Structure formats: C-alpha cells, structure tokens
Protein backbone atom coordinates (compact mmCIF):
# COMPACT_ATOMS: atom_id res chain seq x y z
CA MET A 1 90.50 -107.33 61.01
CA GLN A 2 94.27 -107.35 60.85
CA ASN A 3 96.72 -107.82 63.71
CA ILE A 4 100.14 -106.24 63.34
CA ASP A 5 103.09 -105.76 65.69
CA VAL A 6 103.88 -102.20 66.78
CA ASN A 7 107.32 -102.29 65.11
CA GLN A 8 105.79 -103.30 61.78
CA ALA A 9 103.03 -100.72 62.24
CA LYS A 10 105.62 -97.94 62.53
CA GLN A 11 106.93 -98.83 59.08
CA GLN A 12 103.49 -99.28 57.49
CA LEU A 13 101.44 -96.57 59.19
CA HIS A 14 100.26 -94.96 55.95
CA GLN A 15 99.00 -98.30 54.57
CA LEU A 16 97.32 -99.15 57.87
CA ILE A 17 95.51 -95.81 57.91
CA GLU A 18 94.30 -96.42 54.36
CA GLN A 19 92.99 -99.84 55.41
CA ALA A 20 91.15 -98.32 58.37
CA VAL A 21 89.63 -95.59 56.19
CA GLY A 22 88.52 -98.37 53.83
CA GLY A 23 86.50 -99.94 56.64
CA ASN A 24 88.96 -102.51 57.97
CA GLU A 25 89.86 -102.69 61.64
CA VAL A 26 93.58 -102.88 62.43
CA ILE A 27 94.76 -104.15 65.82
CA ILE A 28 98.28 -103.12 66.82
CA THR A 29 99.96 -105.51 69.23
CA LYS A 30 102.95 -105.25 71.55
CA SER A 31 104.59 -108.45 72.73
CA GLY A 32 101.64 -110.34 71.27
CA GLN A 33 99.04 -108.43 73.29
CA PRO A 34 96.56 -106.06 71.59
CA VAL A 35 97.17 -102.46 72.67
CA VAL A 36 95.58 -100.24 69.98
CA ARG A 37 92.60 -100.56 67.66
CA LEU A 38 92.84 -98.43 64.52
CA VAL A 39 89.46 -97.61 62.96
CA ALA A 40 88.14 -94.78 60.82
CA ILE A 41 86.23 -91.96 62.48
CA THR A 42 82.64 -91.86 61.31
CA LYS A 43 81.20 -88.50 60.40
CA ARG A 44 78.85 -87.19 63.07
CA ARG A 45 75.33 -86.29 62.10
CA ASP A 46 74.38 -82.66 62.47
CA GLN A 47 72.92 -81.78 65.85
CA ARG A 48 69.16 -81.45 65.73
CA GLN A 49 67.88 -77.98 66.42
CA PHE A 50 65.07 -77.75 68.99
CA GLY A 51 61.96 -76.28 67.40
CA SER A 52 63.20 -76.67 63.83
CA ALA A 53 59.92 -78.31 62.73
CA LYS A 54 57.74 -75.61 64.27
CA GLY A 55 54.83 -74.82 61.98
CA LEU A 56 55.26 -78.00 59.93
CA ILE A 57 52.94 -80.17 62.02
CA GLU A 58 49.36 -79.38 62.93
CA MET A 59 47.24 -81.07 65.60
CA SER A 60 43.49 -81.22 65.33
CA ASP A 61 41.49 -79.37 67.98
CA ASP A 62 40.06 -82.65 69.31
CA PHE A 63 43.46 -84.37 69.59
CA ASP A 64 43.05 -85.06 73.33
CA GLU A 65 39.43 -86.24 73.06
CA GLN A 66 38.53 -89.90 73.44
CA LEU A 67 38.42 -91.86 70.22
CA GLU A 68 34.92 -92.86 69.18
CA ASP A 69 35.91 -96.53 68.83
CA PHE A 70 37.21 -96.68 72.41
CA ARG A 71 34.30 -95.05 74.24
CA ASP A 72 32.93 -98.46 75.32
CA TYR A 73 36.22 -99.28 77.06
CA MET A 74 36.56 -96.04 79.02
C-alpha cells in the first residue's frame, strides 16, 4: 500500500495506475487525510444461467426414500 498526496498523484497518475493494476493499493491523500483508494477492477465472473445443467444430473427414483441405515432412527 502506498500513500501519496493528491498533488503528487496528478503528476504520477500513469505510474499509480500501473501499480494498482499490478495488485498494489494506492491511497491518495489531501492535507494528510486519505480521500481516495486506487485499486484495480477485478474481472467479474460470467453470470450463471438458470437451468444450464439440465440433463446433466440424474436422481434415482428412490431419492426421497429413507436410507436403509437410518430406518432404526426414524
């Protein structure tokens, strides 16, 4: 993590962006107080499609039946 004053950040914006893209967090300060955090945007995962696995999974006909090993406890 790097702290840098806003006036210096104006002059070094390209380098600061490269640092953020490289995984470093850059905090921009104004009058000594943090005001902006510069971080890289992570790529979003593709949205899952409802029903996209249809036909890939099969359930046995007795799926809802009691398990043989648990009959004594029911």
